[in-house]
Amino acid sequence: ARAVGVDARRMKTVVYLATAFITGVAGALIYVQKARISPDAA
Protein backbone atom coordinates (compact mmCIF):
# COMPACT_ATOMS: atom_id res chain seq x y z
CA ALA A 1 0.00 0.00 0.00
CA ARG A 2 2.84 2.38 0.80
CA ALA A 3 4.46 1.53 -2.53
CA VAL A 4 1.41 2.76 -4.45
CA GLY A 5 1.18 6.00 -2.48
CA VAL A 6 -1.18 5.16 0.39
CA ASP A 7 -0.25 7.00 3.60
CA ALA A 8 -0.68 4.02 5.90
CA ARG A 9 0.19 5.84 9.13
CA ARG A 10 -2.26 8.64 8.39
CA MET A 11 -5.06 6.18 7.59
CA LYS A 12 -4.48 4.24 10.79
CA THR A 13 -4.31 7.42 12.86
CA VAL A 14 -7.57 8.76 11.46
CA VAL A 15 -9.36 5.46 12.15
CA TYR A 16 -7.83 5.20 15.63
CA LEU A 17 -8.90 8.72 16.61
CA ALA A 18 -12.38 8.29 15.12
CA THR A 19 -13.00 5.02 16.97
CA ALA A 20 -11.66 6.56 20.19
CA PHE A 21 -14.18 9.41 19.89
CA ILE A 22 -17.15 7.15 19.20
CA THR A 23 -16.09 4.66 21.89
CA GLY A 24 -15.74 7.52 24.38
CA VAL A 25 -19.23 8.79 23.50
CA ALA A 26 -20.60 5.26 23.96
CA GLY A 27 -18.84 4.91 27.33
CA ALA A 28 -20.19 8.23 28.55
CA LEU A 29 -23.71 7.31 27.38
CA ILE A 30 -23.53 3.91 29.10
CA TYR A 31 -22.61 5.53 32.41
CA VAL A 32 -25.26 8.23 32.11
CA GLN A 33 -27.72 5.35 32.04
CA LYS A 34 -25.95 3.52 34.88
CA ALA A 35 -25.52 6.76 36.92
CA ARG A 36 -22.79 5.04 38.96
CA ILE A 37 -19.11 4.61 38.13
CA SER A 38 -15.96 3.03 39.56
CA PRO A 39 -12.52 2.46 38.02
CA ASP A 40 -12.83 -1.32 37.97
CA ALA A 41 -16.22 -1.22 36.24
CA ALA A 42 -15.45 1.57 33.77
PDB file of all heavy atoms in Angstrom:
ATOM      1  N   ALA A   1       0.827  -1.198   0.000  1.00  0.00           N
ATOM      2  CA  ALA A   1       0.000   0.000   0.000  1.00  0.00           C
ATOM      3  C   ALA A   1       0.870   1.259   0.000  1.00  0.00           C
ATOM      4  O   ALA A   1       0.582   2.228  -0.713  1.00  0.00           O
ATOM      5  CB  ALA A   1      -0.928  -0.004   1.216  1.00  0.00           C
ATOM      6  N   ARG A   2       1.931   1.231   0.791  1.00  0.00           N
ATOM      7  CA  ARG A   2       2.843   2.380   0.805  1.00  0.00           C
ATOM      8  C   ARG A   2       3.491   2.572  -0.560  1.00  0.00           C
ATOM      9  O   ARG A   2       3.706   3.711  -1.008  1.00  0.00           O
ATOM     10  CB  ARG A   2       3.924   2.170   1.863  1.00  0.00           C
ATOM     11  CG  ARG A   2       3.431   2.247   3.305  1.00  0.00           C
ATOM     12  CD  ARG A   2       4.588   1.985   4.263  1.00  0.00           C
ATOM     13  NE  ARG A   2       4.154   1.923   5.644  1.00  0.00           N
ATOM     14  CZ  ARG A   2       4.020   2.965   6.457  1.00  0.00           C
ATOM     15  NH1 ARG A   2       4.304   4.175   5.981  1.00  0.00           N
ATOM     16  NH2 ARG A   2       3.631   2.818   7.710  1.00  0.00           N
ATOM     17  N   ALA A   3       3.773   1.457  -1.233  1.00  0.00           N
ATOM     18  CA  ALA A   3       4.458   1.529  -2.527  1.00  0.00           C
ATOM     19  C   ALA A   3       3.609   2.206  -3.594  1.00  0.00           C
ATOM     20  O   ALA A   3       4.144   2.806  -4.527  1.00  0.00           O
ATOM     21  CB  ALA A   3       4.851   0.128  -2.987  1.00  0.00           C
ATOM     22  N   VAL A   4       2.275   2.135  -3.461  1.00  0.00           N
ATOM     23  CA  VAL A   4       1.406   2.764  -4.454  1.00  0.00           C
ATOM     24  C   VAL A   4       0.886   4.118  -3.973  1.00  0.00           C
ATOM     25  O   VAL A   4      -0.047   4.679  -4.544  1.00  0.00           O
ATOM     26  CB  VAL A   4       0.214   1.847  -4.818  1.00  0.00           C
ATOM     27  CG1 VAL A   4       0.706   0.587  -5.501  1.00  0.00           C
ATOM     28  CG2 VAL A   4      -0.630   1.511  -3.593  1.00  0.00           C
ATOM     29  N   GLY A   5       1.486   4.636  -2.907  1.00  0.00           N
ATOM     30  CA  GLY A   5       1.183   5.997  -2.481  1.00  0.00           C
ATOM     31  C   GLY A   5       0.186   6.151  -1.367  1.00  0.00           C
ATOM     32  O   GLY A   5      -0.221   7.271  -1.056  1.00  0.00           O
ATOM     33  N   VAL A   6      -0.238   5.064  -0.722  1.00  0.00           N
ATOM     34  CA  VAL A   6      -1.178   5.158   0.389  1.00  0.00           C
ATOM     35  C   VAL A   6      -0.415   5.536   1.659  1.00  0.00           C
ATOM     36  O   VAL A   6       0.582   4.899   2.000  1.00  0.00           O
ATOM     37  CB  VAL A   6      -1.926   3.824   0.602  1.00  0.00           C
ATOM     38  CG1 VAL A   6      -2.841   3.918   1.818  1.00  0.00           C
ATOM     39  CG2 VAL A   6      -2.721   3.458  -0.632  1.00  0.00           C
ATOM     40  N   ASP A   7      -0.868   6.573   2.343  1.00  0.00           N
ATOM     41  CA  ASP A   7      -0.246   6.998   3.597  1.00  0.00           C
ATOM     42  C   ASP A   7      -0.818   6.129   4.719  1.00  0.00           C
ATOM     43  O   ASP A   7      -1.835   6.459   5.336  1.00  0.00           O
ATOM     44  CB  ASP A   7      -0.539   8.481   3.849  1.00  0.00           C
ATOM     45  CG  ASP A   7       0.288   9.046   4.997  1.00  0.00           C
ATOM     46  OD1 ASP A   7       0.753   8.253   5.826  1.00  0.00           O
ATOM     47  OD2 ASP A   7       0.457  10.283   5.061  1.00  0.00           O
ATOM     48  N   ALA A   8      -0.163   5.013   4.966  1.00  0.00           N
ATOM     49  CA  ALA A   8      -0.680   4.022   5.903  1.00  0.00           C
ATOM     50  C   ALA A   8      -0.791   4.584   7.317  1.00  0.00           C
ATOM     51  O   ALA A   8      -1.798   4.360   8.006  1.00  0.00           O
ATOM     52  CB  ALA A   8       0.215   2.777   5.897  1.00  0.00           C
ATOM     53  N   ARG A   9       0.208   5.302   7.759  1.00  0.00           N
ATOM     54  CA  ARG A   9       0.185   5.835   9.127  1.00  0.00           C
ATOM     55  C   ARG A   9      -0.958   6.831   9.306  1.00  0.00           C
ATOM     56  O   ARG A   9      -1.646   6.827  10.337  1.00  0.00           O
ATOM     57  CB  ARG A   9       1.522   6.489   9.455  1.00  0.00           C
ATOM     58  CG  ARG A   9       1.652   6.889  10.924  1.00  0.00           C
ATOM     59  CD  ARG A   9       3.037   7.437  11.232  1.00  0.00           C
ATOM     60  NE  ARG A   9       3.196   7.668  12.646  1.00  0.00           N
ATOM     61  CZ  ARG A   9       3.548   6.757  13.534  1.00  0.00           C
ATOM     62  NH1 ARG A   9       3.789   5.524  13.139  1.00  0.00           N
ATOM     63  NH2 ARG A   9       3.688   7.054  14.816  1.00  0.00           N
ATOM     64  N   ARG A  10      -1.168   7.669   8.301  1.00  0.00           N
ATOM     65  CA  ARG A  10      -2.258   8.644   8.388  1.00  0.00           C
ATOM     66  C   ARG A  10      -3.610   7.940   8.438  1.00  0.00           C
ATOM     67  O   ARG A  10      -4.490   8.318   9.230  1.00  0.00           O
ATOM     68  CB  ARG A  10      -2.207   9.586   7.187  1.00  0.00           C
ATOM     69  CG  ARG A  10      -3.320  10.624   7.171  1.00  0.00           C
ATOM     70  CD  ARG A  10      -3.157  11.573   5.994  1.00  0.00           C
ATOM     71  NE  ARG A  10      -4.279  12.489   5.883  1.00  0.00           N
ATOM     72  CZ  ARG A  10      -5.416  12.216   5.269  1.00  0.00           C
ATOM     73  NH1 ARG A  10      -5.567  11.030   4.676  1.00  0.00           N
ATOM     74  NH2 ARG A  10      -6.403  13.099   5.223  1.00  0.00           N
ATOM     75  N   MET A  11      -3.805   6.906   7.602  1.00  0.00           N
ATOM     76  CA  MET A  11      -5.062   6.182   7.589  1.00  0.00           C
ATOM     77  C   MET A  11      -5.331   5.530   8.940  1.00  0.00           C
ATOM     78  O   MET A  11      -6.445   5.612   9.480  1.00  0.00           O
ATOM     79  CB  MET A  11      -5.044   5.113   6.494  1.00  0.00           C
ATOM     80  CG  MET A  11      -5.089   5.647   5.072  1.00  0.00           C
ATOM     81  SD  MET A  11      -6.600   6.552   4.706  1.00  0.00           S
ATOM     82  CE  MET A  11      -7.830   5.342   5.126  1.00  0.00           C
ATOM     83  N   LYS A  12      -4.310   4.894   9.494  1.00  0.00           N
ATOM     84  CA  LYS A  12      -4.484   4.238  10.794  1.00  0.00           C
ATOM     85  C   LYS A  12      -4.774   5.252  11.890  1.00  0.00           C
ATOM     86  O   LYS A  12      -5.602   5.012  12.779  1.00  0.00           O
ATOM     87  CB  LYS A  12      -3.233   3.434  11.137  1.00  0.00           C
ATOM     88  CG  LYS A  12      -3.053   2.170  10.313  1.00  0.00           C
ATOM     89  CD  LYS A  12      -1.839   1.388  10.788  1.00  0.00           C
ATOM     90  CE  LYS A  12      -1.702   0.065  10.060  1.00  0.00           C
ATOM     91  NZ  LYS A  12      -0.558  -0.736  10.560  1.00  0.00           N
ATOM     92  N   THR A  13      -4.098   6.393  11.829  1.00  0.00           N
ATOM     93  CA  THR A  13      -4.307   7.417  12.861  1.00  0.00           C
ATOM     94  C   THR A  13      -5.721   7.965  12.813  1.00  0.00           C
ATOM     95  O   THR A  13      -6.367   8.137  13.857  1.00  0.00           O
ATOM     96  CB  THR A  13      -3.294   8.565  12.677  1.00  0.00           C
ATOM     97  OG1 THR A  13      -1.962   8.033  12.751  1.00  0.00           O
ATOM     98  CG2 THR A  13      -3.476   9.621  13.757  1.00  0.00           C
ATOM     99  N   VAL A  14      -6.212   8.243  11.603  1.00  0.00           N
ATOM    100  CA  VAL A  14      -7.574   8.763  11.458  1.00  0.00           C
ATOM    101  C   VAL A  14      -8.587   7.763  12.015  1.00  0.00           C
ATOM    102  O   VAL A  14      -9.510   8.137  12.767  1.00  0.00           O
ATOM    103  CB  VAL A  14      -7.877   9.088   9.984  1.00  0.00           C
ATOM    104  CG1 VAL A  14      -9.368   9.353   9.779  1.00  0.00           C
ATOM    105  CG2 VAL A  14      -7.063  10.294   9.529  1.00  0.00           C
ATOM    106  N   VAL A  15      -8.431   6.495  11.669  1.00  0.00           N
ATOM    107  CA  VAL A  15      -9.358   5.463  12.149  1.00  0.00           C
ATOM    108  C   VAL A  15      -9.254   5.326  13.664  1.00  0.00           C
ATOM    109  O   VAL A  15     -10.272   5.222  14.367  1.00  0.00           O
ATOM    110  CB  VAL A  15      -9.057   4.112  11.456  1.00  0.00           C
ATOM    111  CG1 VAL A  15      -9.804   2.972  12.144  1.00  0.00           C
ATOM    112  CG2 VAL A  15      -9.456   4.180   9.994  1.00  0.00           C
ATOM    113  N   TYR A  16      -8.046   5.360  14.196  1.00  0.00           N
ATOM    114  CA  TYR A  16      -7.829   5.197  15.634  1.00  0.00           C
ATOM    115  C   TYR A  16      -8.489   6.344  16.409  1.00  0.00           C
ATOM    116  O   TYR A  16      -9.159   6.126  17.425  1.00  0.00           O
ATOM    117  CB  TYR A  16      -6.338   5.142  15.921  1.00  0.00           C
ATOM    118  CG  TYR A  16      -5.986   4.687  17.313  1.00  0.00           C
ATOM    119  CD1 TYR A  16      -6.172   3.368  17.697  1.00  0.00           C
ATOM    120  CD2 TYR A  16      -5.449   5.573  18.246  1.00  0.00           C
ATOM    121  CE1 TYR A  16      -5.839   2.938  18.967  1.00  0.00           C
ATOM    122  CE2 TYR A  16      -5.112   5.161  19.519  1.00  0.00           C
ATOM    123  CZ  TYR A  16      -5.311   3.842  19.873  1.00  0.00           C
ATOM    124  OH  TYR A  16      -4.996   3.425  21.149  1.00  0.00           O
ATOM    125  N   LEU A  17      -8.312   7.572  15.928  1.00  0.00           N
ATOM    126  CA  LEU A  17      -8.902   8.724  16.606  1.00  0.00           C
ATOM    127  C   LEU A  17     -10.426   8.706  16.491  1.00  0.00           C
ATOM    128  O   LEU A  17     -11.138   9.027  17.451  1.00  0.00           O
ATOM    129  CB  LEU A  17      -8.353  10.025  16.022  1.00  0.00           C
ATOM    130  CG  LEU A  17      -6.853  10.300  16.234  1.00  0.00           C
ATOM    131  CD1 LEU A  17      -6.464  11.629  15.608  1.00  0.00           C
ATOM    132  CD2 LEU A  17      -6.500  10.295  17.712  1.00  0.00           C
ATOM    133  N   ALA A  18     -10.934   8.336  15.317  1.00  0.00           N
ATOM    134  CA  ALA A  18     -12.385   8.290  15.122  1.00  0.00           C
ATOM    135  C   ALA A  18     -13.036   7.244  16.029  1.00  0.00           C
ATOM    136  O   ALA A  18     -14.065   7.506  16.666  1.00  0.00           O
ATOM    137  CB  ALA A  18     -12.717   7.999  13.662  1.00  0.00           C
ATOM    138  N   THR A  19     -12.427   6.066  16.116  1.00  0.00           N
ATOM    139  CA  THR A  19     -12.996   5.021  16.967  1.00  0.00           C
ATOM    140  C   THR A  19     -12.872   5.393  18.438  1.00  0.00           C
ATOM    141  O   THR A  19     -13.741   5.042  19.240  1.00  0.00           O
ATOM    142  CB  THR A  19     -12.314   3.667  16.715  1.00  0.00           C
ATOM    143  OG1 THR A  19     -10.896   3.797  16.880  1.00  0.00           O
ATOM    144  CG2 THR A  19     -12.602   3.167  15.312  1.00  0.00           C
ATOM    145  N   ALA A  20     -11.802   6.106  18.807  1.00  0.00           N
ATOM    146  CA  ALA A  20     -11.665   6.560  20.187  1.00  0.00           C
ATOM    147  C   ALA A  20     -12.786   7.522  20.550  1.00  0.00           C
ATOM    148  O   ALA A  20     -13.375   7.440  21.639  1.00  0.00           O
ATOM    149  CB  ALA A  20     -10.303   7.226  20.387  1.00  0.00           C
ATOM    150  N   PHE A  21     -13.101   8.446  19.638  1.00  0.00           N
ATOM    151  CA  PHE A  21     -14.176   9.409  19.886  1.00  0.00           C
ATOM    152  C   PHE A  21     -15.520   8.703  20.057  1.00  0.00           C
ATOM    153  O   PHE A  21     -16.235   8.940  21.041  1.00  0.00           O
ATOM    154  CB  PHE A  21     -14.263  10.412  18.733  1.00  0.00           C
ATOM    155  CG  PHE A  21     -15.473  11.306  18.799  1.00  0.00           C
ATOM    156  CD1 PHE A  21     -15.533  12.347  19.704  1.00  0.00           C
ATOM    157  CD2 PHE A  21     -16.560  11.082  17.959  1.00  0.00           C
ATOM    158  CE1 PHE A  21     -16.659  13.165  19.786  1.00  0.00           C
ATOM    159  CE2 PHE A  21     -17.685  11.894  18.026  1.00  0.00           C
ATOM    160  CZ  PHE A  21     -17.735  12.935  18.941  1.00  0.00           C
ATOM    161  N   ILE A  22     -15.852   7.815  19.131  1.00  0.00           N
ATOM    162  CA  ILE A  22     -17.155   7.148  19.197  1.00  0.00           C
ATOM    163  C   ILE A  22     -17.227   6.226  20.405  1.00  0.00           C
ATOM    164  O   ILE A  22     -18.253   6.145  21.092  1.00  0.00           O
ATOM    165  CB  ILE A  22     -17.433   6.372  17.901  1.00  0.00           C
ATOM    166  CG1 ILE A  22     -17.406   7.317  16.699  1.00  0.00           C
ATOM    167  CG2 ILE A  22     -18.786   5.673  17.973  1.00  0.00           C
ATOM    168  CD1 ILE A  22     -17.512   6.619  15.355  1.00  0.00           C
ATOM    169  N   THR A  23     -16.130   5.533  20.717  1.00  0.00           N
ATOM    170  CA  THR A  23     -16.094   4.660  21.893  1.00  0.00           C
ATOM    171  C   THR A  23     -16.239   5.475  23.167  1.00  0.00           C
ATOM    172  O   THR A  23     -16.926   5.058  24.115  1.00  0.00           O
ATOM    173  CB  THR A  23     -14.787   3.851  21.920  1.00  0.00           C
ATOM    174  OG1 THR A  23     -14.679   3.075  20.720  1.00  0.00           O
ATOM    175  CG2 THR A  23     -14.740   2.923  23.116  1.00  0.00           C
ATOM    176  N   GLY A  24     -15.599   6.652  23.217  1.00  0.00           N
ATOM    177  CA  GLY A  24     -15.738   7.525  24.378  1.00  0.00           C
ATOM    178  C   GLY A  24     -17.163   8.022  24.552  1.00  0.00           C
ATOM    179  O   GLY A  24     -17.685   8.093  25.673  1.00  0.00           O
ATOM    180  N   VAL A  25     -17.818   8.378  23.444  1.00  0.00           N
ATOM    181  CA  VAL A  25     -19.227   8.786  23.497  1.00  0.00           C
ATOM    182  C   VAL A  25     -20.081   7.638  24.022  1.00  0.00           C
ATOM    183  O   VAL A  25     -20.961   7.834  24.875  1.00  0.00           O
ATOM    184  CB  VAL A  25     -19.712   9.240  22.108  1.00  0.00           C
ATOM    185  CG1 VAL A  25     -21.228   9.411  22.096  1.00  0.00           C
ATOM    186  CG2 VAL A  25     -19.045  10.551  21.710  1.00  0.00           C
ATOM    187  N   ALA A  26     -19.834   6.428  23.510  1.00  0.00           N
ATOM    188  CA  ALA A  26     -20.598   5.262  23.960  1.00  0.00           C
ATOM    189  C   ALA A  26     -20.376   5.005  25.449  1.00  0.00           C
ATOM    190  O   ALA A  26     -21.330   4.716  26.188  1.00  0.00           O
ATOM    191  CB  ALA A  26     -20.201   4.026  23.145  1.00  0.00           C
ATOM    192  N   GLY A  27     -19.128   5.111  25.910  1.00  0.00           N
ATOM    193  CA  GLY A  27     -18.838   4.911  27.328  1.00  0.00           C
ATOM    194  C   GLY A  27     -19.548   5.927  28.199  1.00  0.00           C
ATOM    195  O   GLY A  27     -20.127   5.579  29.244  1.00  0.00           O
ATOM    196  N   ALA A  28     -19.504   7.190  27.784  1.00  0.00           N
ATOM    197  CA  ALA A  28     -20.194   8.231  28.555  1.00  0.00           C
ATOM    198  C   ALA A  28     -21.691   7.979  28.586  1.00  0.00           C
ATOM    199  O   ALA A  28     -22.339   8.131  29.635  1.00  0.00           O
ATOM    200  CB  ALA A  28     -19.893   9.600  27.940  1.00  0.00           C
ATOM    201  N   LEU A  29     -22.272   7.578  27.447  1.00  0.00           N
ATOM    202  CA  LEU A  29     -23.707   7.311  27.384  1.00  0.00           C
ATOM    203  C   LEU A  29     -24.083   6.132  28.276  1.00  0.00           C
ATOM    204  O   LEU A  29     -25.104   6.164  28.987  1.00  0.00           O
ATOM    205  CB  LEU A  29     -24.111   7.038  25.936  1.00  0.00           C
ATOM    206  CG  LEU A  29     -25.581   6.720  25.682  1.00  0.00           C
ATOM    207  CD1 LEU A  29     -26.474   7.854  26.156  1.00  0.00           C
ATOM    208  CD2 LEU A  29     -25.814   6.445  24.195  1.00  0.00           C
ATOM    209  N   ILE A  30     -23.270   5.089  28.264  1.00  0.00           N
ATOM    210  CA  ILE A  30     -23.534   3.912  29.103  1.00  0.00           C
ATOM    211  C   ILE A  30     -23.596   4.311  30.574  1.00  0.00           C
ATOM    212  O   ILE A  30     -24.481   3.886  31.322  1.00  0.00           O
ATOM    213  CB  ILE A  30     -22.453   2.839  28.880  1.00  0.00           C
ATOM    214  CG1 ILE A  30     -22.619   2.192  27.501  1.00  0.00           C
ATOM    215  CG2 ILE A  30     -22.501   1.773  29.975  1.00  0.00           C
ATOM    216  CD1 ILE A  30     -21.443   1.332  27.076  1.00  0.00           C
ATOM    217  N   TYR A  31     -22.669   5.183  30.995  1.00  0.00           N
ATOM    218  CA  TYR A  31     -22.614   5.530  32.414  1.00  0.00           C
ATOM    219  C   TYR A  31     -23.556   6.665  32.788  1.00  0.00           C
ATOM    220  O   TYR A  31     -23.798   6.894  33.977  1.00  0.00           O
ATOM    221  CB  TYR A  31     -21.172   5.791  32.833  1.00  0.00           C
ATOM    222  CG  TYR A  31     -20.462   4.488  33.090  1.00  0.00           C
ATOM    223  CD1 TYR A  31     -19.753   3.844  32.082  1.00  0.00           C
ATOM    224  CD2 TYR A  31     -20.582   3.845  34.313  1.00  0.00           C
ATOM    225  CE1 TYR A  31     -19.149   2.617  32.297  1.00  0.00           C
ATOM    226  CE2 TYR A  31     -19.989   2.618  34.547  1.00  0.00           C
ATOM    227  CZ  TYR A  31     -19.276   2.015  33.537  1.00  0.00           C
ATOM    228  OH  TYR A  31     -18.700   0.786  33.763  1.00  0.00           O
ATOM    229  N   VAL A  32     -24.105   7.362  31.807  1.00  0.00           N
ATOM    230  CA  VAL A  32     -25.258   8.227  32.113  1.00  0.00           C
ATOM    231  C   VAL A  32     -26.441   7.349  32.491  1.00  0.00           C
ATOM    232  O   VAL A  32     -27.175   7.638  33.441  1.00  0.00           O
ATOM    233  CB  VAL A  32     -25.606   9.124  30.907  1.00  0.00           C
ATOM    234  CG1 VAL A  32     -26.990   9.735  31.086  1.00  0.00           C
ATOM    235  CG2 VAL A  32     -24.592  10.240  30.749  1.00  0.00           C
ATOM    236  N   GLN A  33     -26.609   6.264  31.761  1.00  0.00           N
ATOM    237  CA  GLN A  33     -27.716   5.355  32.042  1.00  0.00           C
ATOM    238  C   GLN A  33     -27.495   4.607  33.360  1.00  0.00           C
ATOM    239  O   GLN A  33     -28.424   4.421  34.148  1.00  0.00           O
ATOM    240  CB  GLN A  33     -27.877   4.367  30.879  1.00  0.00           C
ATOM    241  CG  GLN A  33     -29.233   3.707  30.790  1.00  0.00           C
ATOM    242  CD  GLN A  33     -29.272   2.348  31.460  1.00  0.00           C
ATOM    243  OE1 GLN A  33     -28.252   1.820  31.907  1.00  0.00           O
ATOM    244  NE2 GLN A  33     -30.464   1.792  31.558  1.00  0.00           N
ATOM    245  N   LYS A  34     -26.258   4.215  33.629  1.00  0.00           N
ATOM    246  CA  LYS A  34     -25.954   3.518  34.881  1.00  0.00           C
ATOM    247  C   LYS A  34     -26.000   4.464  36.080  1.00  0.00           C
ATOM    248  O   LYS A  34     -26.387   4.059  37.182  1.00  0.00           O
ATOM    249  CB  LYS A  34     -24.573   2.861  34.799  1.00  0.00           C
ATOM    250  CG  LYS A  34     -24.493   1.660  33.867  1.00  0.00           C
ATOM    251  CD  LYS A  34     -23.080   1.102  33.851  1.00  0.00           C
ATOM    252  CE  LYS A  34     -22.977  -0.146  32.976  1.00  0.00           C
ATOM    253  NZ  LYS A  34     -23.665  -1.307  33.559  1.00  0.00           N
ATOM    254  N   ALA A  35     -25.543   5.716  35.876  1.00  0.00           N
ATOM    255  CA  ALA A  35     -25.522   6.760  36.921  1.00  0.00           C
ATOM    256  C   ALA A  35     -24.589   6.420  38.079  1.00  0.00           C
ATOM    257  O   ALA A  35     -24.613   7.074  39.121  1.00  0.00           O
ATOM    258  CB  ALA A  35     -26.925   7.046  37.439  1.00  0.00           C
ATOM    259  N   ARG A  36     -23.749   5.439  37.922  1.00  0.00           N
ATOM    260  CA  ARG A  36     -22.791   5.041  38.956  1.00  0.00           C
ATOM    261  C   ARG A  36     -21.532   4.567  38.268  1.00  0.00           C
ATOM    262  O   ARG A  36     -21.598   3.851  37.270  1.00  0.00           O
ATOM    263  CB  ARG A  36     -23.377   3.926  39.817  1.00  0.00           C
ATOM    264  CG  ARG A  36     -22.404   3.243  40.763  1.00  0.00           C
ATOM    265  CD  ARG A  36     -22.120   4.079  41.978  1.00  0.00           C
ATOM    266  NE  ARG A  36     -20.993   3.532  42.755  1.00  0.00           N
ATOM    267  CZ  ARG A  36     -20.450   4.132  43.819  1.00  0.00           C
ATOM    268  NH1 ARG A  36     -20.946   5.294  44.228  1.00  0.00           N
ATOM    269  NH2 ARG A  36     -19.443   3.594  44.469  1.00  0.00           N
ATOM    270  N   ILE A  37     -20.362   4.976  38.784  1.00  0.00           N
ATOM    271  CA  ILE A  37     -19.106   4.613  38.126  1.00  0.00           C
ATOM    272  C   ILE A  37     -18.048   4.252  39.159  1.00  0.00           C
ATOM    273  O   ILE A  37     -18.069   4.738  40.301  1.00  0.00           O
ATOM    274  CB  ILE A  37     -18.595   5.778  37.243  1.00  0.00           C
ATOM    275  CG1 ILE A  37     -17.547   5.289  36.240  1.00  0.00           C
ATOM    276  CG2 ILE A  37     -18.041   6.924  38.099  1.00  0.00           C
ATOM    277  CD1 ILE A  37     -17.183   6.322  35.187  1.00  0.00           C
ATOM    278  N   SER A  38     -17.145   3.363  38.772  1.00  0.00           N
ATOM    279  CA  SER A  38     -15.957   3.025  39.559  1.00  0.00           C
ATOM    280  C   SER A  38     -14.858   2.635  38.586  1.00  0.00           C
ATOM    281  O   SER A  38     -15.155   2.218  37.456  1.00  0.00           O
ATOM    282  CB  SER A  38     -16.246   1.864  40.528  1.00  0.00           C
ATOM    283  OG  SER A  38     -16.448   0.658  39.814  1.00  0.00           O
ATOM    284  N   PRO A  39     -13.602   2.778  38.957  1.00  0.00           N
ATOM    285  CA  PRO A  39     -12.516   2.457  38.015  1.00  0.00           C
ATOM    286  C   PRO A  39     -12.564   1.025  37.505  1.00  0.00           C
ATOM    287  O   PRO A  39     -12.367   0.783  36.310  1.00  0.00           O
ATOM    288  CB  PRO A  39     -11.247   2.720  38.838  1.00  0.00           C
ATOM    289  CG  PRO A  39     -11.666   3.706  39.871  1.00  0.00           C
ATOM    290  CD  PRO A  39     -13.084   3.356  40.215  1.00  0.00           C
ATOM    291  N   ASP A  40     -12.828   0.081  38.399  1.00  0.00           N
ATOM    292  CA  ASP A  40     -12.833  -1.322  37.973  1.00  0.00           C
ATOM    293  C   ASP A  40     -13.950  -1.610  36.980  1.00  0.00           C
ATOM    294  O   ASP A  40     -13.773  -2.394  36.035  1.00  0.00           O
ATOM    295  CB  ASP A  40     -12.980  -2.238  39.191  1.00  0.00           C
ATOM    296  CG  ASP A  40     -11.733  -2.245  40.055  1.00  0.00           C
ATOM    297  OD1 ASP A  40     -10.659  -1.829  39.555  1.00  0.00           O
ATOM    298  OD2 ASP A  40     -11.827  -2.632  41.232  1.00  0.00           O
ATOM    299  N   ALA A  41     -15.100  -0.987  37.154  1.00  0.00           N
ATOM    300  CA  ALA A  41     -16.218  -1.219  36.238  1.00  0.00           C
ATOM    301  C   ALA A  41     -16.012  -0.489  34.924  1.00  0.00           C
ATOM    302  O   ALA A  41     -16.231  -1.050  33.846  1.00  0.00           O
ATOM    303  CB  ALA A  41     -17.523  -0.769  36.896  1.00  0.00           C
ATOM    304  N   ALA A  42     -15.591   0.769  34.989  1.00  0.00           N
ATOM    305  CA  ALA A  42     -15.448   1.574  33.771  1.00  0.00           C
ATOM    306  C   ALA A  42     -14.309   1.093  32.888  1.00  0.00           C
ATOM    307  O   ALA A  42     -14.351   1.281  31.668  1.00  0.00           O
ATOM    308  CB  ALA A  42     -15.230   3.042  34.141  1.00  0.00           C
TER     309      ALA A  42
END
